C-alpha atoms as a PDB file:
ATOM      1  CA  MET A   1     -16.036  -9.294  16.051  1.00  0.00           C
ATOM      2  CA  SER A   2     -19.062  -7.230  14.930  1.00  0.00           C
ATOM      3  CA  LEU A   3     -18.693  -3.965  13.010  1.00  0.00           C
ATOM      4  CA  ALA A   4     -19.802  -2.010  16.132  1.00  0.00           C
ATOM      5  CA  GLU A   5     -17.205  -3.861  18.243  1.00  0.00           C
ATOM      6  CA  THR A   6     -14.536  -3.183  15.611  1.00  0.00           C
ATOM      7  CA  VAL A   7     -15.284   0.538  15.450  1.00  0.00           C
ATOM      8  CA  ALA A   8     -15.143   0.747  19.234  1.00  0.00           C
ATOM      9  CA  HIS A   9     -11.821  -1.056  19.296  1.00  0.00           C
ATOM     10  CA  LEU A  10     -10.100   1.267  16.811  1.00  0.00           C
ATOM     11  CA  THR A  11      -8.618   3.870  19.138  1.00  0.00           C
ATOM     12  CA  ARG A  12      -5.834   6.284  18.173  1.00  0.00           C
ATOM     13  CA  PRO A  13      -2.336   4.822  18.394  1.00  0.00           C
ATOM     14  CA  ASP A  14       0.193   6.222  20.876  1.00  0.00           C
ATOM     15  CA  PRO A  15       3.450   7.610  19.444  1.00  0.00           C
ATOM     16  CA  LEU A  16       6.081   4.926  18.902  1.00  0.00           C
ATOM     17  CA  SER A  17       8.728   4.538  21.599  1.00  0.00           C
ATOM     18  CA  GLY A  18      11.569   4.085  19.104  1.00  0.00           C
ATOM     19  CA  GLY A  19      11.925   0.307  19.307  1.00  0.00           C
ATOM     20  CA  GLU A  20       9.393  -0.511  16.649  1.00  0.00           C
ATOM     21  CA  ALA A  21       9.627  -1.092  12.919  1.00  0.00           C
ATOM     22  CA  LEU A  22       7.261   1.182  11.042  1.00  0.00           C
ATOM     23  CA  PHE A  23       5.703   0.308   7.665  1.00  0.00           C
ATOM     24  CA  LEU A  24       3.601   2.847   5.748  1.00  0.00           C
ATOM     25  CA  ASP A  25       1.297   2.722   2.782  1.00  0.00           C
ATOM     26  CA  LEU A  26       1.438   5.709   0.406  1.00  0.00           C
ATOM     27  CA  ASP A  27      -1.863   6.645  -1.346  1.00  0.00           C
ATOM     28  CA  GLY A  28      -4.568   7.428   1.212  1.00  0.00           C
ATOM     29  CA  THR A  29      -2.017   7.226   4.019  1.00  0.00           C
ATOM     30  CA  LEU A  30       0.862   9.581   3.238  1.00  0.00           C
ATOM     31  CA  SER A  31      -0.887  11.388   0.369  1.00  0.00           C
ATOM     32  CA  PRO A  32      -4.555  12.015  -0.347  1.00  0.00           C
ATOM     33  CA  ILE A  33      -6.223   9.885  -2.970  1.00  0.00           C
ATOM     34  CA  ALA A  34      -6.088  11.643  -6.389  1.00  0.00           C
ATOM     35  CA  PRO A  35      -8.417  11.231  -9.344  1.00  0.00           C
ATOM     36  CA  ARG A  36      -5.541   9.630 -11.321  1.00  0.00           C
ATOM     37  CA  PRO A  37      -2.381   7.963  -9.930  1.00  0.00           C
ATOM     38  CA  GLN A  38      -0.135  10.306 -11.882  1.00  0.00           C
ATOM     39  CA  ASP A  39      -1.715  13.308 -10.172  1.00  0.00           C
ATOM     40  CA  VAL A  40       0.034  12.538  -6.888  1.00  0.00           C
ATOM     41  CA  GLY A  41       3.165  14.679  -6.753  1.00  0.00           C
ATOM     42  CA  ILE A  42       6.007  15.694  -4.443  1.00  0.00           C
ATOM     43  CA  ASP A  43       5.269  17.182  -0.965  1.00  0.00           C
ATOM     44  CA  THR A  44       8.525  18.390   0.392  1.00  0.00           C
ATOM     45  CA  ARG A  45       7.182  18.889   3.925  1.00  0.00           C
ATOM     46  CA  ARG A  46       5.969  15.322   4.078  1.00  0.00           C
ATOM     47  CA  ASN A  47       9.156  13.928   2.606  1.00  0.00           C
ATOM     48  CA  ARG A  48      11.355  15.779   5.084  1.00  0.00           C
ATOM     49  CA  LEU A  49       9.138  14.415   7.867  1.00  0.00           C
ATOM     50  CA  LEU A  50       9.590  10.893   6.572  1.00  0.00           C
ATOM     51  CA  ALA A  51      13.369  11.363   6.544  1.00  0.00           C
ATOM     52  CA  ARG A  52      13.297  12.644  10.120  1.00  0.00           C
ATOM     53  CA  THR A  53      11.043   9.771  11.199  1.00  0.00           C
ATOM     54  CA  ALA A  54      13.409   7.223   9.646  1.00  0.00           C
ATOM     55  CA  GLU A  55      16.299   8.789  11.541  1.00  0.00           C
ATOM     56  CA  ARG A  56      14.358   8.783  14.805  1.00  0.00           C
ATOM     57  CA  LEU A  57      13.595   5.040  14.337  1.00  0.00           C
ATOM     58  CA  GLY A  58      17.163   4.133  13.464  1.00  0.00           C
ATOM     59  CA  GLY A  59      16.265   3.497   9.845  1.00  0.00           C
ATOM     60  CA  ARG A  60      13.396   1.124  10.697  1.00  0.00           C
ATOM     61  CA  LEU A  61      10.966   2.740   8.301  1.00  0.00           C
ATOM     62  CA  ALA A  62       9.705   1.286   5.039  1.00  0.00           C
ATOM     63  CA  VAL A  63       7.012   2.263   2.541  1.00  0.00           C
ATOM     64  CA  ILE A  64       4.911  -0.577   1.129  1.00  0.00           C
ATOM     65  CA  SER A  65       2.658   0.517  -1.708  1.00  0.00           C
ATOM     66  CA  GLY A  66       0.755  -0.687  -4.753  1.00  0.00           C
ATOM     67  CA  ARG A  67       2.865   1.676  -6.833  1.00  0.00           C
ATOM     68  CA  THR A  68       6.136   0.713  -8.438  1.00  0.00           C
ATOM     69  CA  ILE A  69       9.358   1.430  -6.554  1.00  0.00           C
ATOM     70  CA  ASP A  70      10.335   4.016  -9.213  1.00  0.00           C
ATOM     71  CA  ASP A  71       7.065   5.868  -8.722  1.00  0.00           C
ATOM     72  CA  ILE A  72       7.344   5.788  -4.981  1.00  0.00           C
ATOM     73  CA  ASP A  73      10.856   7.253  -5.215  1.00  0.00           C
ATOM     74  CA  ARG A  74       9.525   9.956  -7.510  1.00  0.00           C
ATOM     75  CA  ILE A  75       6.733  11.013  -5.125  1.00  0.00           C
ATOM     76  CA  LEU A  76       8.862  10.682  -1.936  1.00  0.00           C
ATOM     77  CA  GLU A  77      12.048  12.110  -3.517  1.00  0.00           C
ATOM     78  CA  SER A  78      13.878   8.920  -2.388  1.00  0.00           C
ATOM     79  CA  ALA A  79      13.370   9.948   1.238  1.00  0.00           C
ATOM     80  CA  VAL A  80      12.910   6.308   2.350  1.00  0.00           C
ATOM     81  CA  ALA A  81      15.493   3.695   1.543  1.00  0.00           C
ATOM     82  CA  ALA A  82      13.461   0.532   2.257  1.00  0.00           C
ATOM     83  CA  VAL A  83      10.586   0.276  -0.177  1.00  0.00           C
ATOM     84  CA  SER A  84       8.232  -2.417  -1.516  1.00  0.00           C
ATOM     85  CA  GLY A  85       6.108  -1.902  -4.637  1.00  0.00           C
ATOM     86  CA  ILE A  86       3.300  -3.529  -6.514  1.00  0.00           C
ATOM     87  CA  HIS A  87       1.718  -4.848  -3.288  1.00  0.00           C
ATOM     88  CA  GLY A  88       4.898  -6.822  -2.405  1.00  0.00           C
ATOM     89  CA  LEU A  89       5.985  -8.097  -5.815  1.00  0.00           C
ATOM     90  CA  GLU A  90       9.073  -5.881  -5.826  1.00  0.00           C
ATOM     91  CA  ARG A  91      11.205  -4.816  -2.922  1.00  0.00           C
ATOM     92  CA  ARG A  92      14.349  -2.817  -2.091  1.00  0.00           C
ATOM     93  CA  SER A  93      16.047  -3.497   1.246  1.00  0.00           C
ATOM     94  CA  ALA A  94      17.359  -0.778   3.486  1.00  0.00           C
ATOM     95  CA  LEU A  95      20.874  -1.654   2.147  1.00  0.00           C
ATOM     96  CA  GLY A  96      19.730  -1.258  -1.486  1.00  0.00           C
ATOM     97  CA  ALA A  97      19.313  -4.923  -2.561  1.00  0.00           C
ATOM     98  CA  ARG A  98      16.531  -5.370  -5.155  1.00  0.00           C
ATOM     99  CA  PHE A  99      14.068  -8.279  -5.407  1.00  0.00           C
ATOM    100  CA  ALA A 100      11.288  -8.719  -7.992  1.00  0.00           C
ATOM    101  CA  ALA A 101       8.830 -11.415  -8.956  1.00  0.00           C
ATOM    102  CA  PRO A 102       8.924 -12.527 -12.671  1.00  0.00           C
ATOM    103  CA  VAL A 103       6.322 -11.008 -14.862  1.00  0.00           C
ATOM    104  CA  HIS A 104       3.432 -13.330 -15.759  1.00  0.00           C
ATOM    105  CA  PRO A 105       3.061 -13.775 -19.521  1.00  0.00           C
ATOM    106  CA  ALA A 106      -0.787 -13.451 -19.389  1.00  0.00           C
ATOM    107  CA  LEU A 107      -0.473  -9.817 -18.430  1.00  0.00           C
ATOM    108  CA  ASP A 108      -0.119  -8.853 -22.108  1.00  0.00           C
ATOM    109  CA  GLN A 109      -3.630 -10.176 -22.759  1.00  0.00           C
ATOM    110  CA  VAL A 110      -4.974  -8.492 -19.682  1.00  0.00           C
ATOM    111  CA  ARG A 111      -3.455  -5.138 -20.696  1.00  0.00           C
ATOM    112  CA  ALA A 112      -5.077  -5.416 -24.108  1.00  0.00           C
ATOM    113  CA  ASP A 113      -8.521  -6.396 -22.695  1.00  0.00           C
ATOM    114  CA  PHE A 114      -8.417  -3.565 -20.142  1.00  0.00           C
ATOM    115  CA  GLN A 115      -7.421  -1.040 -22.766  1.00  0.00           C
ATOM    116  CA  ARG A 116     -10.270  -2.239 -25.078  1.00  0.00           C
ATOM    117  CA  LEU A 117     -12.787  -1.591 -22.284  1.00  0.00           C
ATOM    118  CA  ALA A 118     -11.230   1.732 -21.385  1.00  0.00           C
ATOM    119  CA  ALA A 119     -11.408   2.884 -25.035  1.00  0.00           C
ATOM    120  CA  GLY A 120     -15.202   3.012 -24.676  1.00  0.00           C
ATOM    121  CA  ALA A 121     -15.193   4.984 -21.449  1.00  0.00           C
ATOM    122  CA  PRO A 122     -13.087   8.154 -21.129  1.00  0.00           C
ATOM    123  CA  GLY A 123     -13.047   7.978 -17.364  1.00  0.00           C
ATOM    124  CA  LEU A 124     -11.489   4.568 -17.195  1.00  0.00           C
ATOM    125  CA  LEU A 125      -7.738   4.475 -16.706  1.00  0.00           C
ATOM    126  CA  VAL A 126      -5.357   1.593 -17.321  1.00  0.00           C
ATOM    127  CA  GLU A 127      -2.209   1.602 -15.243  1.00  0.00           C
ATOM    128  CA  ASP A 128       0.618  -0.686 -16.381  1.00  0.00           C
ATOM    129  CA  LYS A 129       3.043  -1.562 -13.554  1.00  0.00           C
ATOM    130  CA  GLY A 130       4.937  -4.315 -15.376  1.00  0.00           C
ATOM    131  CA  ALA A 131       4.185  -7.190 -12.940  1.00  0.00           C
ATOM    132  CA  SER A 132       0.504  -6.043 -12.739  1.00  0.00           C
ATOM    133  CA  VAL A 133      -2.110  -4.098 -14.629  1.00  0.00           C
ATOM    134  CA  ALA A 134      -4.751  -1.998 -12.891  1.00  0.00           C
ATOM    135  CA  LEU A 135      -8.033  -0.663 -14.181  1.00  0.00           C
ATOM    136  CA  HIS A 136      -9.147   2.533 -12.320  1.00  0.00           C
ATOM    137  CA  TYR A 137     -12.866   3.398 -12.525  1.00  0.00           C
ATOM    138  CA  ARG A 138     -12.937   6.385 -10.119  1.00  0.00           C
ATOM    139  CA  GLY A 139     -13.581   8.635 -13.088  1.00  0.00           C
ATOM    140  CA  ALA A 140     -16.233   6.264 -14.569  1.00  0.00           C
ATOM    141  CA  PRO A 141     -18.214   4.822 -11.636  1.00  0.00           C
ATOM    142  CA  ASP A 142     -20.955   3.520 -13.915  1.00  0.00           C
ATOM    143  CA  PHE A 143     -18.389   1.030 -15.285  1.00  0.00           C
ATOM    144  CA  GLU A 144     -17.589  -0.450 -11.909  1.00  0.00           C
ATOM    145  CA  ASN A 145     -19.535  -3.713 -12.429  1.00  0.00           C
ATOM    146  CA  ARG A 146     -18.137  -4.156 -15.949  1.00  0.00           C
ATOM    147  CA  ALA A 147     -14.577  -3.501 -14.768  1.00  0.00           C
ATOM    148  CA  ILE A 148     -14.822  -5.966 -11.888  1.00  0.00           C
ATOM    149  CA  GLY A 149     -16.618  -8.583 -14.018  1.00  0.00           C
ATOM    150  CA  LEU A 150     -13.906  -8.397 -16.687  1.00  0.00           C
ATOM    151  CA  ALA A 151     -11.127  -8.692 -14.099  1.00  0.00           C
ATOM    152  CA  ARG A 152     -12.781 -11.715 -12.478  1.00  0.00           C
ATOM    153  CA  ARG A 153     -13.147 -13.507 -15.803  1.00  0.00           C
ATOM    154  CA  LEU A 154      -9.549 -12.804 -16.696  1.00  0.00           C
ATOM    155  CA  ALA A 155      -8.310 -13.973 -13.277  1.00  0.00           C
ATOM    156  CA  ASP A 156     -10.274 -17.283 -13.670  1.00  0.00           C
ATOM    157  CA  ARG A 157      -8.822 -17.768 -17.176  1.00  0.00           C
ATOM    158  CA  THR A 158      -5.227 -16.876 -16.491  1.00  0.00           C
ATOM    159  CA  GLY A 159      -4.560 -17.712 -12.863  1.00  0.00           C
ATOM    160  CA  LEU A 160      -3.435 -14.165 -12.147  1.00  0.00           C
ATOM    161  CA  THR A 161      -4.167 -12.742  -8.678  1.00  0.00           C
ATOM    162  CA  LEU A 162      -7.156 -10.421  -8.482  1.00  0.00           C
ATOM    163  CA  GLN A 163      -6.381  -7.353  -6.273  1.00  0.00           C
ATOM    164  CA  ALA A 164      -9.363  -5.170  -5.485  1.00  0.00           C
ATOM    165  CA  GLY A 165      -8.877  -1.675  -4.083  1.00  0.00           C
ATOM    166  CA  SER A 166     -10.621   1.686  -3.771  1.00  0.00           C
ATOM    167  CA  CYS A 167     -12.192   2.347  -7.170  1.00  0.00           C
ATOM    168  CA  VAL A 168      -9.639   0.099  -8.834  1.00  0.00           C
ATOM    169  CA  VAL A 169      -9.358  -3.537  -9.813  1.00  0.00           C
ATOM    170  CA  GLU A 170      -5.874  -5.031 -10.527  1.00  0.00           C
ATOM    171  CA  LEU A 171      -4.526  -8.276 -11.921  1.00  0.00           C
ATOM    172  CA  ARG A 172      -1.077  -9.076 -10.787  1.00  0.00           C
ATOM    173  CA  THR A 173       1.515 -11.806 -11.024  1.00  0.00           C
ATOM    174  CA  PRO A 174       0.935 -14.397  -8.212  1.00  0.00           C
ATOM    175  CA  GLY A 175       3.467 -13.844  -5.485  1.00  0.00           C
ATOM    176  CA  PRO A 176       4.192 -11.961  -2.232  1.00  0.00           C
ATOM    177  CA  ASP A 177       1.545  -9.615  -0.809  1.00  0.00           C
ATOM    178  CA  LYS A 178       2.050  -6.662   1.579  1.00  0.00           C
ATOM    179  CA  GLY A 179       2.101  -8.948   4.603  1.00  0.00           C
ATOM    180  CA  ASP A 180       4.883 -10.939   2.979  1.00  0.00           C
ATOM    181  CA  ALA A 181       6.790  -7.727   2.283  1.00  0.00           C
ATOM    182  CA  VAL A 182       6.648  -6.812   5.972  1.00  0.00           C
ATOM    183  CA  ALA A 183       7.824 -10.309   6.901  1.00  0.00           C
ATOM    184  CA  ALA A 184      10.758 -10.021   4.471  1.00  0.00           C
ATOM    185  CA  PHE A 185      11.873  -6.714   5.933  1.00  0.00           C
ATOM    186  CA  LEU A 186      11.658  -8.066   9.504  1.00  0.00           C
ATOM    187  CA  ALA A 187      14.153 -10.744   8.478  1.00  0.00           C
ATOM    188  CA  GLU A 188      16.760  -8.137   7.652  1.00  0.00           C
ATOM    189  CA  PRO A 189      18.620  -5.326   9.384  1.00  0.00           C
ATOM    190  CA  PRO A 190      17.686  -2.853  10.674  1.00  0.00           C
ATOM    191  CA  PHE A 191      14.113  -4.272  11.167  1.00  0.00           C
ATOM    192  CA  ALA A 192      14.981  -7.706  12.562  1.00  0.00           C
ATOM    193  CA  GLY A 193      13.713  -8.335  16.128  1.00  0.00           C
ATOM    194  CA  CYS A 194      11.493  -5.239  16.220  1.00  0.00           C
ATOM    195  CA  ARG A 195       7.727  -5.007  16.812  1.00  0.00           C
ATOM    196  CA  PRO A 196       6.063  -4.247  13.470  1.00  0.00           C
ATOM    197  CA  VAL A 197       3.540  -1.426  12.960  1.00  0.00           C
ATOM    198  CA  PHE A 198       1.725  -1.094   9.630  1.00  0.00           C
ATOM    199  CA  VAL A 199      -0.309   2.010   8.693  1.00  0.00           C
ATOM    200  CA  GLY A 200      -2.622   1.862   5.627  1.00  0.00           C
ATOM    201  CA  ASP A 201      -6.045   2.738   4.371  1.00  0.00           C
ATOM    202  CA  ASP A 202      -7.184   0.325   1.718  1.00  0.00           C
ATOM    203  CA  LEU A 203      -8.382  -3.304   1.386  1.00  0.00           C
ATOM    204  CA  THR A 204      -4.961  -4.024  -0.135  1.00  0.00           C
ATOM    205  CA  ASP A 205      -3.432  -3.307   3.281  1.00  0.00           C
ATOM    206  CA  GLU A 206      -5.428  -6.004   5.081  1.00  0.00           C
ATOM    207  CA  ASP A 207      -2.763  -8.715   4.455  1.00  0.00           C
ATOM    208  CA  ALA A 208      -0.254  -6.476   6.247  1.00  0.00           C
ATOM    209  CA  PHE A 209      -2.625  -5.664   9.055  1.00  0.00           C
ATOM    210  CA  ALA A 210      -3.351  -9.373   9.651  1.00  0.00           C
ATOM    211  CA  PHE A 211       0.399 -10.243   9.629  1.00  0.00           C
ATOM    212  CA  VAL A 212       1.528  -7.532  12.083  1.00  0.00           C
ATOM    213  CA  GLU A 213      -1.357  -8.298  14.498  1.00  0.00           C
ATOM    214  CA  ARG A 214      -0.525 -11.986  14.436  1.00  0.00           C
ATOM    215  CA  SER A 215       3.147 -11.025  15.095  1.00  0.00           C
ATOM    216  CA  GLY A 216       2.333  -9.031  18.235  1.00  0.00           C
ATOM    217  CA  GLY A 217       2.503  -5.733  16.349  1.00  0.00           C
ATOM    218  CA  MET A 218      -0.098  -3.157  15.472  1.00  0.00           C
ATOM    219  CA  GLY A 219      -2.151  -2.369  12.456  1.00  0.00           C
ATOM    220  CA  VAL A 220      -3.380   1.250  12.014  1.00  0.00           C
ATOM    221  CA  LEU A 221      -6.290   1.869   9.669  1.00  0.00           C
ATOM    222  CA  VAL A 222      -6.415   5.299   8.070  1.00  0.00           C
ATOM    223  CA  GLY A 223      -9.845   6.779   7.253  1.00  0.00           C
ATOM    224  CA  PRO A 224     -13.363   5.841   8.259  1.00  0.00           C
ATOM    225  CA  ALA A 225     -13.822   2.875  10.589  1.00  0.00           C
ATOM    226  CA  ARG A 226     -14.753  -0.446   8.920  1.00  0.00           C
ATOM    227  CA  GLU A 227     -14.305  -4.129   9.481  1.00  0.00           C
ATOM    228  CA  THR A 228     -10.559  -4.656   9.495  1.00  0.00           C
ATOM    229  CA  ALA A 229      -7.710  -6.664  10.977  1.00  0.00           C
ATOM    230  CA  ALA A 230      -6.192  -3.425  12.319  1.00  0.00           C
ATOM    231  CA  SER A 231      -6.495  -2.536  15.963  1.00  0.00           C
ATOM    232  CA  ARG A 232      -5.970   1.249  15.820  1.00  0.00           C
ATOM    233  CA  ARG A 233      -7.122   4.095  13.556  1.00  0.00           C
ATOM    234  CA  LEU A 234      -6.097   7.567  12.330  1.00  0.00           C
ATOM    235  CA  ALA A 235      -8.697   9.747  10.744  1.00  0.00           C
ATOM    236  CA  ASP A 236      -6.914  10.826   7.592  1.00  0.00           C
ATOM    237  CA  VAL A 237      -3.609  11.730   5.929  1.00  0.00           C
ATOM    238  CA  GLU A 238      -3.150  14.839   8.061  1.00  0.00           C
ATOM    239  CA  ALA A 239      -3.673  12.761  11.164  1.00  0.00           C
ATOM    240  CA  VAL A 240      -0.970  10.358  10.009  1.00  0.00           C
ATOM    241  CA  LEU A 241       1.462  13.214   9.417  1.00  0.00           C
ATOM    242  CA  ALA A 242       0.667  14.653  12.841  1.00  0.00           C
ATOM    243  CA  TRP A 243       1.303  11.249  14.451  1.00  0.00           C
ATOM    244  CA  LEU A 244       4.651  11.044  12.683  1.00  0.00           C
ATOM    245  CA  GLN A 245       5.508  14.524  14.053  1.00  0.00           C
ATOM    246  CA  GLU A 246       4.822  13.153  17.576  1.00  0.00           C
ATOM    247  CA  ILE A 247       7.227  10.288  16.911  1.00  0.00           C
ATOM    248  CA  VAL A 248       9.950  12.699  15.729  1.00  0.00           C
ATOM    249  CA  ARG A 249       9.432  14.875  18.895  1.00  0.00           C
ATOM    250  CA  ALA A 250       9.209  11.987  21.361  1.00  0.00           C
END
């Protein structure tokens, strides 16, 4: 499908009927992108809306993010029980069971190399998530090529998975991605047997978009139209929150 055909295909999703399982990204989807990850804070209005949406869907709501589960809980005030972090490498079921991929030993070297590069550029930010290390260059755009080049070399050398995102490059332990996280939730109550819907904004969400579309569900891209596996689109974070309000009122 060409870019023009993709853009034309990305219409606004209808409110959910209540029989679906809803999966939401966080940054760029439920909260605007911030200059630094730690700048994203609590939004009580949003978090109450998420709790009401989960109730409306019978608990079939999960957040799947590149952040750690602890950081997701901080931002969302634990409003959502089912959560997956680090792009699928860690997961908490709706009943509270925890799952996590083992940490790859090469991440120590990656952390040191990222920090060495960041020491020469005040705008670069190293984010250590345990099972992955991210290098953010939003504050130092001139270092984009150097950051990506370093990450690629380290990935080739170590076998770590290279995860590219919006102004960030990340090396993570090989293992589940966001599509795998959706699949794992769908194998458990209360999600089992439901049509999956995934809402996200970044390249890191494409694995989930592809999975839900293959499964007869719906991927919803947030932000400007681009080539994507998603079939629907919402303009921005406020449009996502308005759509959730429609679900609650339906």
